[in-house]
Amino acid sequence: MNWQGAVDGLVLTFSGWRMHLEGKIFKENVYELFVSNAHLIMGAAIALKLIGAMLFLLGFRIRLGAVLLLLFMIPATIIIHPFWFNVGSELKQEFFIFLKNLSLIGALFYIALTPISKRSPV
């Protein structure tokens, strides 16, 4: 795994958001906080995804696994796939990925919020 490449990609993503939101939402200190802690953000994202997926797949504490995956998916979808900043074919590609992630978020909400006895068998 190329850890530094992943951190650099996250910093680049934050830079893209800063470029689009300059003077509106992002303040300089918020941007610096994200960039200086990119390695911690990546570590937390990997931990949420790994632990949530393992709990979910092993069938142990499924609802907790779904919540952990939600904690990863919601910010990742908004930050990594901002289709509203793109045009042309990039817009279409990012929009499809955004919608796919949105459907996964809906499924995770269903699993996290519905008791096991109320879910229909597959």
Protein backbone atom coordinates (compact mmCIF):
# COMPACT_ATOMS: atom_id res chain seq x y z
CA MET A 1 0.00 0.00 0.00
CA ASN A 2 1.30 3.43 -0.91
CA TRP A 3 0.48 5.35 2.27
CA GLN A 4 2.12 8.60 1.20
CA GLY A 5 0.29 8.51 -2.14
CA ALA A 6 -3.03 8.13 -0.33
CA VAL A 7 -2.25 11.02 2.02
CA ASP A 8 -1.14 13.16 -0.93
CA GLY A 9 -4.38 12.33 -2.73
CA LEU A 10 -6.39 13.42 0.32
CA VAL A 11 -4.44 16.68 0.52
CA LEU A 12 -5.10 17.23 -3.19
CA THR A 13 -8.82 16.63 -2.61
CA PHE A 14 -8.87 19.17 0.22
CA SER A 15 -7.03 21.61 -2.04
CA GLY A 16 -9.69 21.15 -4.72
CA TRP A 17 -12.44 21.83 -2.21
CA ARG A 18 -10.59 24.92 -1.00
CA MET A 19 -10.28 26.22 -4.56
CA HIS A 20 -14.05 25.92 -5.11
CA LEU A 21 -15.06 27.28 -1.72
CA GLU A 22 -12.46 30.01 -1.35
CA GLY A 23 -13.81 32.79 0.82
CA LYS A 24 -17.16 31.12 1.38
CA ILE A 25 -16.92 28.25 3.83
CA PHE A 26 -13.29 27.27 4.13
CA LYS A 27 -11.15 29.47 6.30
CA GLU A 28 -7.38 29.18 6.19
CA ASN A 29 -7.12 27.57 9.63
CA VAL A 30 -9.70 24.86 8.76
CA TYR A 31 -7.80 24.01 5.58
CA GLU A 32 -4.50 23.85 7.48
CA LEU A 33 -6.12 21.61 10.11
CA PHE A 34 -7.27 19.14 7.43
CA VAL A 35 -3.97 19.16 5.56
CA SER A 36 -1.76 18.89 8.62
CA ASN A 37 -3.82 15.96 9.94
CA ALA A 38 -4.35 14.15 6.63
CA HIS A 39 -2.46 11.09 7.86
CA LEU A 40 -4.72 10.87 10.94
CA ILE A 41 -7.83 11.29 8.81
CA MET A 42 -6.64 8.50 6.49
CA GLY A 43 -5.89 6.25 9.45
CA ALA A 44 -9.33 6.85 10.97
CA ALA A 45 -11.02 6.21 7.62
CA ILE A 46 -9.15 2.94 7.13
CA ALA A 47 -9.95 1.83 10.69
CA LEU A 48 -13.66 2.63 10.32
CA LYS A 49 -13.85 0.81 7.00
CA LEU A 50 -11.86 -2.22 8.10
CA ILE A 51 -13.52 -2.74 11.50
CA GLY A 52 -17.00 -2.01 10.14
CA ALA A 53 -16.57 -4.39 7.23
CA MET A 54 -15.19 -7.17 9.43
CA LEU A 55 -18.05 -6.87 11.94
CA PHE A 56 -20.58 -6.77 9.11
CA LEU A 57 -19.16 -9.69 7.14
CA LEU A 58 -18.58 -11.93 10.15
CA GLY A 59 -22.14 -11.38 11.36
CA PHE A 60 -20.98 -10.16 14.76
CA ARG A 61 -22.57 -6.87 15.88
CA ILE A 62 -23.92 -6.20 12.39
CA ARG A 63 -25.64 -2.96 13.38
CA LEU A 64 -22.42 -1.56 14.87
CA GLY A 65 -20.58 -2.56 11.69
CA ALA A 66 -23.19 -0.74 9.60
CA VAL A 67 -22.85 2.39 11.75
CA LEU A 68 -19.04 2.34 11.42
CA LEU A 69 -19.36 1.97 7.66
CA LEU A 70 -21.84 4.87 7.62
CA LEU A 71 -19.35 7.01 9.53
CA PHE A 72 -16.90 6.32 6.72
CA MET A 73 -19.24 6.45 3.71
CA ILE A 74 -21.07 9.73 4.34
CA PRO A 75 -18.06 12.07 4.61
CA ALA A 76 -16.09 10.09 2.00
CA THR A 77 -18.91 10.38 -0.53
CA ILE A 78 -19.33 14.11 0.00
CA ILE A 79 -15.61 14.92 0.07
CA ILE A 80 -14.25 12.56 -2.59
CA HIS A 81 -17.10 12.67 -5.15
CA PRO A 82 -18.30 16.30 -5.40
CA PHE A 83 -19.93 16.00 -8.83
CA TRP A 84 -21.33 19.55 -8.52
CA PHE A 85 -17.83 20.96 -9.17
CA ASN A 86 -17.32 19.06 -12.47
CA VAL A 87 -18.50 19.49 -16.05
CA GLY A 88 -18.90 17.16 -19.02
CA SER A 89 -17.94 13.50 -18.77
CA GLU A 90 -16.32 14.02 -15.35
CA LEU A 91 -19.67 15.23 -14.03
CA LYS A 92 -21.42 12.11 -15.29
CA GLN A 93 -18.80 9.75 -13.86
CA GLU A 94 -18.71 11.43 -10.43
CA PHE A 95 -22.52 11.63 -10.36
CA PHE A 96 -22.86 7.88 -10.98
CA ILE A 97 -20.32 7.10 -8.24
CA PHE A 98 -22.11 9.52 -5.91
CA LEU A 99 -25.47 7.82 -6.58
CA LYS A 100 -23.95 4.36 -6.07
CA ASN A 101 -22.55 5.45 -2.72
CA LEU A 102 -25.88 7.06 -1.83
CA SER A 103 -27.65 3.74 -2.42
CA LEU A 104 -25.08 1.96 -0.23
CA ILE A 105 -25.64 4.57 2.47
CA GLY A 106 -29.38 3.90 2.29
CA ALA A 107 -28.82 0.15 2.66
CA LEU A 108 -26.50 0.72 5.63
CA PHE A 109 -29.11 2.97 7.26
CA TYR A 110 -31.70 0.22 6.78
CA ILE A 111 -29.43 -2.36 8.41
CA ALA A 112 -28.38 -0.03 11.23
CA LEU A 113 -31.89 1.15 12.12
CA THR A 114 -34.07 -1.94 11.54
CA PRO A 115 -34.12 -4.64 14.22
CA ILE A 116 -33.12 -8.09 12.96
CA SER A 117 -36.59 -9.49 13.67
CA LYS A 118 -38.22 -6.88 11.37
CA ARG A 119 -35.95 -7.47 8.35
CA SER A 120 -37.28 -9.65 5.59
CA PRO A 121 -35.24 -12.77 4.82
CA VAL A 122 -33.24 -12.72 1.64
